[in-house]
N, C-alpha and C. Protein backbone atom coordinates (compact mmCIF):
# COMPACT_ATOMS: atom_id res chain seq x y z
N MET A 1 18.93 13.53 4.32
CA MET A 1 18.71 11.79 4.54
C MET A 1 16.74 11.47 4.31
N LYS A 2 15.95 12.91 4.45
CA LYS A 2 14.84 12.66 4.37
C LYS A 2 14.61 12.43 3.23
N LEU A 3 15.35 13.56 2.48
CA LEU A 3 14.55 13.36 0.79
C LEU A 3 15.03 12.40 0.34
N ILE A 4 16.26 11.43 0.73
CA ILE A 4 16.43 10.03 0.07
C ILE A 4 15.91 9.15 0.35
N SER A 5 15.27 8.80 1.74
CA SER A 5 14.20 8.24 2.25
C SER A 5 12.76 8.33 1.01
N ARG A 6 12.60 9.65 1.34
CA ARG A 6 11.22 9.70 0.34
C ARG A 6 11.17 9.28 -0.91
N LEU A 7 12.68 9.28 -1.43
CA LEU A 7 12.78 9.27 -3.14
C LEU A 7 12.33 7.78 -3.44
N LEU A 8 13.13 6.79 -2.02
CA LEU A 8 13.27 5.43 -2.15
C LEU A 8 11.58 4.96 -1.95
N ILE A 9 11.00 5.60 -1.01
CA ILE A 9 9.80 5.18 -0.97
C ILE A 9 9.06 5.45 -2.11
N VAL A 10 9.19 6.61 -3.06
CA VAL A 10 8.58 7.20 -4.10
C VAL A 10 8.88 6.02 -4.80
N GLY A 11 10.14 5.49 -5.13
CA GLY A 11 10.68 3.95 -5.65
C GLY A 11 9.58 2.94 -5.40
N THR A 12 9.84 2.73 -4.46
CA THR A 12 8.59 1.61 -4.15
C THR A 12 7.33 1.45 -4.35
N LEU A 13 6.90 2.82 -4.20
CA LEU A 13 5.43 2.62 -4.34
C LEU A 13 4.91 3.13 -6.07
N THR A 14 6.25 3.65 -6.83
CA THR A 14 6.08 3.18 -8.08
C THR A 14 5.94 2.05 -8.74
N VAL A 15 7.27 0.70 -7.90
CA VAL A 15 6.94 -0.63 -8.29
C VAL A 15 5.93 -1.34 -8.10
N ALA A 16 5.59 -0.96 -6.45
CA ALA A 16 4.31 -1.84 -6.05
C ALA A 16 3.01 -1.58 -6.97
N TYR A 17 2.92 -0.14 -6.89
CA TYR A 17 1.82 0.30 -7.95
C TYR A 17 1.82 -0.68 -9.41
N SER A 18 2.53 -0.16 -10.01
CA SER A 18 2.69 -0.98 -11.24
C SER A 18 2.61 -2.47 -11.24
N ALA A 19 3.04 -2.85 -10.31
CA ALA A 19 3.04 -4.43 -9.79
C ALA A 19 1.66 -5.06 -9.23
N THR A 20 1.07 -4.36 -9.01
CA THR A 20 -0.10 -4.65 -7.88
C THR A 20 -1.21 -3.66 -8.17
N ALA A 21 -1.63 -2.88 -9.31
CA ALA A 21 -2.53 -1.61 -9.08
C ALA A 21 -3.83 -2.66 -9.71
N ALA A 22 -4.19 -4.14 -10.27
CA ALA A 22 -4.91 -4.66 -10.46
C ALA A 22 -5.39 -5.46 -9.30
N ASP A 23 -4.24 -5.37 -8.06
CA ASP A 23 -4.92 -6.04 -6.93
C ASP A 23 -5.55 -5.94 -6.04
N PHE A 24 -5.90 -5.08 -6.09
CA PHE A 24 -6.61 -4.55 -4.77
C PHE A 24 -7.80 -5.42 -4.14
N THR A 25 -8.20 -5.52 -5.13
CA THR A 25 -9.55 -6.59 -4.89
C THR A 25 -9.18 -8.50 -4.54
N THR A 26 -7.43 -8.60 -4.86
CA THR A 26 -7.26 -9.56 -4.49
C THR A 26 -6.52 -9.35 -3.18
N LEU A 27 -5.92 -8.30 -2.36
CA LEU A 27 -5.35 -8.36 -1.28
C LEU A 27 -6.32 -7.99 -0.15
N ASP A 28 -7.34 -7.59 -0.63
CA ASP A 28 -8.82 -7.79 -0.10
C ASP A 28 -9.52 -8.70 0.36
N THR A 29 -8.86 -9.48 1.12
CA THR A 29 -9.14 -10.66 1.17
C THR A 29 -10.58 -11.09 1.99
N ASP A 30 -10.82 -10.57 2.99
CA ASP A 30 -12.12 -10.31 3.28
C ASP A 30 -13.23 -9.38 3.14
N LYS A 31 -12.78 -8.46 2.02
CA LYS A 31 -13.93 -8.58 0.76
C LYS A 31 -14.77 -7.13 1.60
N ASP A 32 -14.03 -6.21 2.98
CA ASP A 32 -14.94 -5.33 3.28
C ASP A 32 -14.61 -4.23 2.58
N GLY A 33 -13.75 -3.92 1.48
CA GLY A 33 -13.23 -2.70 0.86
C GLY A 33 -12.20 -2.02 1.13
N PHE A 34 -11.36 -2.46 2.20
CA PHE A 34 -9.94 -1.92 2.71
C PHE A 34 -9.13 -2.80 2.83
N ILE A 35 -7.81 -2.85 2.61
CA ILE A 35 -6.90 -3.58 3.04
C ILE A 35 -5.94 -3.29 4.17
N SER A 36 -6.11 -4.61 5.24
CA SER A 36 -5.80 -4.30 6.58
C SER A 36 -3.79 -4.61 6.94
N GLN A 37 -3.50 -4.43 7.49
CA GLN A 37 -2.14 -4.90 7.77
C GLN A 37 -1.81 -6.29 7.30
N SER A 38 -2.40 -6.91 8.03
CA SER A 38 -2.24 -8.57 7.73
C SER A 38 -2.81 -8.93 6.37
N GLU A 39 -3.82 -8.03 5.45
CA GLU A 39 -3.83 -8.60 4.03
C GLU A 39 -2.38 -7.76 3.70
N ALA A 40 -2.16 -6.64 3.85
CA ALA A 40 -0.96 -5.53 2.92
C ALA A 40 -0.03 -7.06 3.32
N ALA A 41 0.13 -7.91 4.55
CA ALA A 41 1.29 -8.75 4.52
C ALA A 41 1.64 -9.69 3.09
N GLN A 42 0.77 -9.70 2.31
CA GLN A 42 0.78 -10.94 1.43
C GLN A 42 1.44 -10.20 -0.09
N SER A 43 1.90 -8.64 0.20
CA SER A 43 2.64 -8.33 -0.63
C SER A 43 3.86 -7.24 -0.09
N ALA A 44 5.21 -7.39 -0.01
CA ALA A 44 6.38 -7.16 0.37
C ALA A 44 6.31 -5.88 0.08
N SER A 45 6.05 -5.33 -1.24
CA SER A 45 6.08 -3.95 -1.56
C SER A 45 4.46 -3.19 -0.59
N ILE A 46 3.73 -3.90 -0.77
CA ILE A 46 2.68 -3.12 -0.31
C ILE A 46 3.32 -2.85 1.41
N ARG A 47 3.62 -3.59 2.14
CA ARG A 47 3.56 -3.97 3.46
C ARG A 47 4.80 -3.21 3.78
N LYS A 48 5.72 -2.60 2.64
CA LYS A 48 6.93 -1.67 3.22
C LYS A 48 6.67 -0.51 3.34
N ALA A 49 5.92 -0.23 2.44
CA ALA A 49 4.84 1.09 1.86
C ALA A 49 3.82 1.56 2.68
N PHE A 50 3.20 0.54 3.37
CA PHE A 50 1.81 0.35 3.99
C PHE A 50 1.58 1.86 5.07
N GLU A 51 2.23 2.40 5.78
CA GLU A 51 2.38 3.48 6.64
C GLU A 51 2.50 4.54 5.56
N LEU A 52 3.42 4.98 4.64
CA LEU A 52 2.87 6.00 3.70
C LEU A 52 1.50 5.87 2.78
N LEU A 53 1.42 4.94 2.74
CA LEU A 53 0.24 4.88 2.06
C LEU A 53 -1.32 5.06 2.66
N ASP A 54 -1.20 4.99 3.84
CA ASP A 54 -2.28 4.53 5.02
C ASP A 54 -2.42 6.73 5.42
N THR A 55 -2.65 6.85 4.50
CA THR A 55 -2.95 8.80 4.79
C THR A 55 -3.81 9.55 6.01
N ASN A 56 -4.83 8.55 6.26
CA ASN A 56 -5.71 9.36 7.89
C ASN A 56 -5.19 8.07 8.65
N LYS A 57 -4.28 7.37 8.44
CA LYS A 57 -3.62 6.81 9.96
C LYS A 57 -4.81 5.91 10.83
N ASP A 58 -5.82 5.30 9.87
CA ASP A 58 -6.81 4.38 10.41
C ASP A 58 -6.44 3.09 10.41
N GLY A 59 -5.12 2.46 10.17
CA GLY A 59 -4.69 1.36 10.01
C GLY A 59 -5.27 0.21 9.12
N LYS A 60 -5.76 0.80 7.86
CA LYS A 60 -6.45 0.18 7.00
C LYS A 60 -6.21 1.33 5.51
N LEU A 61 -5.93 0.33 4.63
CA LEU A 61 -6.12 0.98 3.05
C LEU A 61 -7.04 1.09 2.72
N SER A 62 -8.03 2.42 2.24
CA SER A 62 -9.05 2.30 1.23
C SER A 62 -8.53 1.88 -0.10
N GLU A 63 -9.38 2.03 -1.19
CA GLU A 63 -8.79 1.99 -2.81
C GLU A 63 -8.19 3.01 -2.84
N LYS A 64 -9.01 4.44 -2.81
CA LYS A 64 -8.53 5.08 -2.55
C LYS A 64 -6.93 5.79 -2.43
N GLU A 65 -6.56 4.97 -1.54
CA GLU A 65 -5.23 5.08 -0.52
C GLU A 65 -4.46 4.26 -1.33
N PHE A 66 -4.89 3.35 -1.74
CA PHE A 66 -4.26 2.37 -2.72
C PHE A 66 -3.41 2.66 -3.98
N HIS A 67 -4.22 3.29 -4.49
CA HIS A 67 -4.16 3.81 -5.66
C HIS A 67 -3.69 5.32 -5.59
N GLN A 68 -3.03 5.96 -4.81
CA GLN A 68 -2.54 7.17 -4.55
C GLN A 68 -1.00 7.01 -5.52
């Protein structure tokens, strides 16, 4: 079951990345260089994948995490 969940997340991330690869700066509305959870809420796919993308678990996405 975990494998299926991970595969679904990877599929979601692939779609999210292709749809928003150039949108980091758009989602970073306060221009602090990170995407917060509230900023991520602007994109359904990023909101759903936020916890997986936030690899250091600091509650925000760096540009590196966003594009991983």
